[in-house]
Amino acid sequence: MARFTIHLPAALEKKARRAAKADGKSISRWIADRLGETMDDSLPQAVLDAAGAIPDFPSLEQLRQGYGPDAPRD
């Protein structure tokens, strides 16, 4: 596991330590968890649940009708 140092303003450090304590975690684990949540590249469950919720949304083929063929690509 990597180690690094961060510098926080005193007020932010105090808030982070309180939040970590409330979650029953070390400050290191709490920060790692927050970074993991922030950097998670998966879609939120609400977005996944909404997929296909509009049954009459046009298909890709219908959306492209009338535009002609794609331009050549490099």
C-alpha atoms as a PDB file:
ATOM      1  CA  MET A   1       0.000   0.000   0.000  1.00  0.00           C
ATOM      2  CA  ALA A   2       1.333   3.437  -0.925  1.00  0.00           C
ATOM      3  CA  ARG A   3       1.946   6.181   1.605  1.00  0.00           C
ATOM      4  CA  PHE A   4       1.870   9.895   1.033  1.00  0.00           C
ATOM      5  CA  THR A   5       1.469  13.127   2.958  1.00  0.00           C
ATOM      6  CA  ILE A   6      -1.317  15.634   2.518  1.00  0.00           C
ATOM      7  CA  HIS A   7      -1.614  19.098   4.021  1.00  0.00           C
ATOM      8  CA  LEU A   8      -5.046  20.204   5.207  1.00  0.00           C
ATOM      9  CA  PRO A   9      -6.218  23.455   6.734  1.00  0.00           C
ATOM     10  CA  ALA A  10      -6.791  22.983  10.476  1.00  0.00           C
ATOM     11  CA  ALA A  11     -10.572  23.323  10.188  1.00  0.00           C
ATOM     12  CA  LEU A  12     -10.763  20.670   7.471  1.00  0.00           C
ATOM     13  CA  GLU A  13      -8.518  18.306   9.419  1.00  0.00           C
ATOM     14  CA  LYS A  14     -10.776  18.667  12.443  1.00  0.00           C
ATOM     15  CA  LYS A  15     -13.876  17.870  10.378  1.00  0.00           C
ATOM     16  CA  ALA A  16     -12.190  14.879   8.731  1.00  0.00           C
ATOM     17  CA  ARG A  17     -11.044  13.468  12.081  1.00  0.00           C
ATOM     18  CA  ARG A  18     -14.544  13.850  13.528  1.00  0.00           C
ATOM     19  CA  ALA A  19     -16.104  12.137  10.513  1.00  0.00           C
ATOM     20  CA  ALA A  20     -13.580   9.294  10.663  1.00  0.00           C
ATOM     21  CA  LYS A  21     -14.246   8.791  14.363  1.00  0.00           C
ATOM     22  CA  ALA A  22     -18.006   8.807  13.764  1.00  0.00           C
ATOM     23  CA  ASP A  23     -17.524   6.088  11.123  1.00  0.00           C
ATOM     24  CA  GLY A  24     -15.294   4.089  13.483  1.00  0.00           C
ATOM     25  CA  LYS A  25     -12.318   4.323  11.118  1.00  0.00           C
ATOM     26  CA  SER A  26      -8.787   5.607  11.224  1.00  0.00           C
ATOM     27  CA  ILE A  27      -8.276   8.913   9.449  1.00  0.00           C
ATOM     28  CA  SER A  28      -6.169   7.100   6.852  1.00  0.00           C
ATOM     29  CA  ARG A  29      -8.896   4.510   6.120  1.00  0.00           C
ATOM     30  CA  TRP A  30     -11.584   7.218   6.072  1.00  0.00           C
ATOM     31  CA  ILE A  31      -9.655   9.340   3.542  1.00  0.00           C
ATOM     32  CA  ALA A  32      -8.909   6.277   1.394  1.00  0.00           C
ATOM     33  CA  ASP A  33     -12.608   5.367   1.389  1.00  0.00           C
ATOM     34  CA  ARG A  34     -13.645   8.915   0.412  1.00  0.00           C
ATOM     35  CA  LEU A  35     -11.095   8.933  -2.433  1.00  0.00           C
ATOM     36  CA  GLY A  36     -12.343   5.546  -3.594  1.00  0.00           C
ATOM     37  CA  GLU A  37     -15.925   6.819  -3.711  1.00  0.00           C
ATOM     38  CA  THR A  38     -14.912   9.995  -5.529  1.00  0.00           C
ATOM     39  CA  MET A  39     -12.821   8.189  -8.111  1.00  0.00           C
ATOM     40  CA  ASP A  40     -15.247   5.330  -8.693  1.00  0.00           C
ATOM     41  CA  ASP A  41     -15.947   5.372 -12.431  1.00  0.00           C
ATOM     42  CA  SER A  42     -19.030   3.183 -12.349  1.00  0.00           C
ATOM     43  CA  LEU A  43     -22.455   4.649 -12.863  1.00  0.00           C
ATOM     44  CA  PRO A  44     -24.654   5.311  -9.842  1.00  0.00           C
ATOM     45  CA  GLN A  45     -27.389   2.730  -9.242  1.00  0.00           C
ATOM     46  CA  ALA A  46     -30.078   5.334  -9.995  1.00  0.00           C
ATOM     47  CA  VAL A  47     -28.668   5.775 -13.498  1.00  0.00           C
ATOM     48  CA  LEU A  48     -28.518   2.027 -14.077  1.00  0.00           C
ATOM     49  CA  ASP A  49     -32.100   1.686 -12.841  1.00  0.00           C
ATOM     50  CA  ALA A  50     -33.233   4.374 -15.296  1.00  0.00           C
ATOM     51  CA  ALA A  51     -31.735   2.586 -18.309  1.00  0.00           C
ATOM     52  CA  GLY A  52     -34.539   1.607 -20.649  1.00  0.00           C
ATOM     53  CA  ALA A  53     -37.114   3.588 -18.667  1.00  0.00           C
ATOM     54  CA  ILE A  54     -38.256   5.418 -21.816  1.00  0.00           C
ATOM     55  CA  PRO A  55     -39.745   2.615 -23.937  1.00  0.00           C
ATOM     56  CA  ASP A  56     -40.506   4.744 -27.011  1.00  0.00           C
ATOM     57  CA  PHE A  57     -37.088   6.417 -27.263  1.00  0.00           C
ATOM     58  CA  PRO A  58     -35.897   6.181 -30.888  1.00  0.00           C
ATOM     59  CA  SER A  59     -33.256   3.629 -31.819  1.00  0.00           C
ATOM     60  CA  LEU A  60     -29.831   4.628 -33.082  1.00  0.00           C
ATOM     61  CA  GLU A  61     -30.895   3.789 -36.623  1.00  0.00           C
ATOM     62  CA  GLN A  62     -33.959   6.000 -36.311  1.00  0.00           C
ATOM     63  CA  LEU A  63     -31.896   8.873 -34.944  1.00  0.00           C
ATOM     64  CA  ARG A  64     -29.448   8.629 -37.868  1.00  0.00           C
ATOM     65  CA  GLN A  65     -32.108   8.538 -40.601  1.00  0.00           C
ATOM     66  CA  GLY A  66     -31.633  11.277 -43.200  1.00  0.00           C
ATOM     67  CA  TYR A  67     -28.040  12.100 -42.290  1.00  0.00           C
ATOM     68  CA  GLY A  68     -26.367  10.021 -44.981  1.00  0.00           C
ATOM     69  CA  PRO A  69     -23.203   7.959 -44.566  1.00  0.00           C
ATOM     70  CA  ASP A  70     -20.497   8.847 -42.093  1.00  0.00           C
ATOM     71  CA  ALA A  71     -17.500  10.824 -43.336  1.00  0.00           C
ATOM     72  CA  PRO A  72     -14.315   8.811 -43.907  1.00  0.00           C
ATOM     73  CA  ARG A  73     -12.145   8.514 -40.809  1.00  0.00           C
ATOM     74  CA  ASP A  74      -8.382   8.882 -40.604  1.00  0.00           C
END
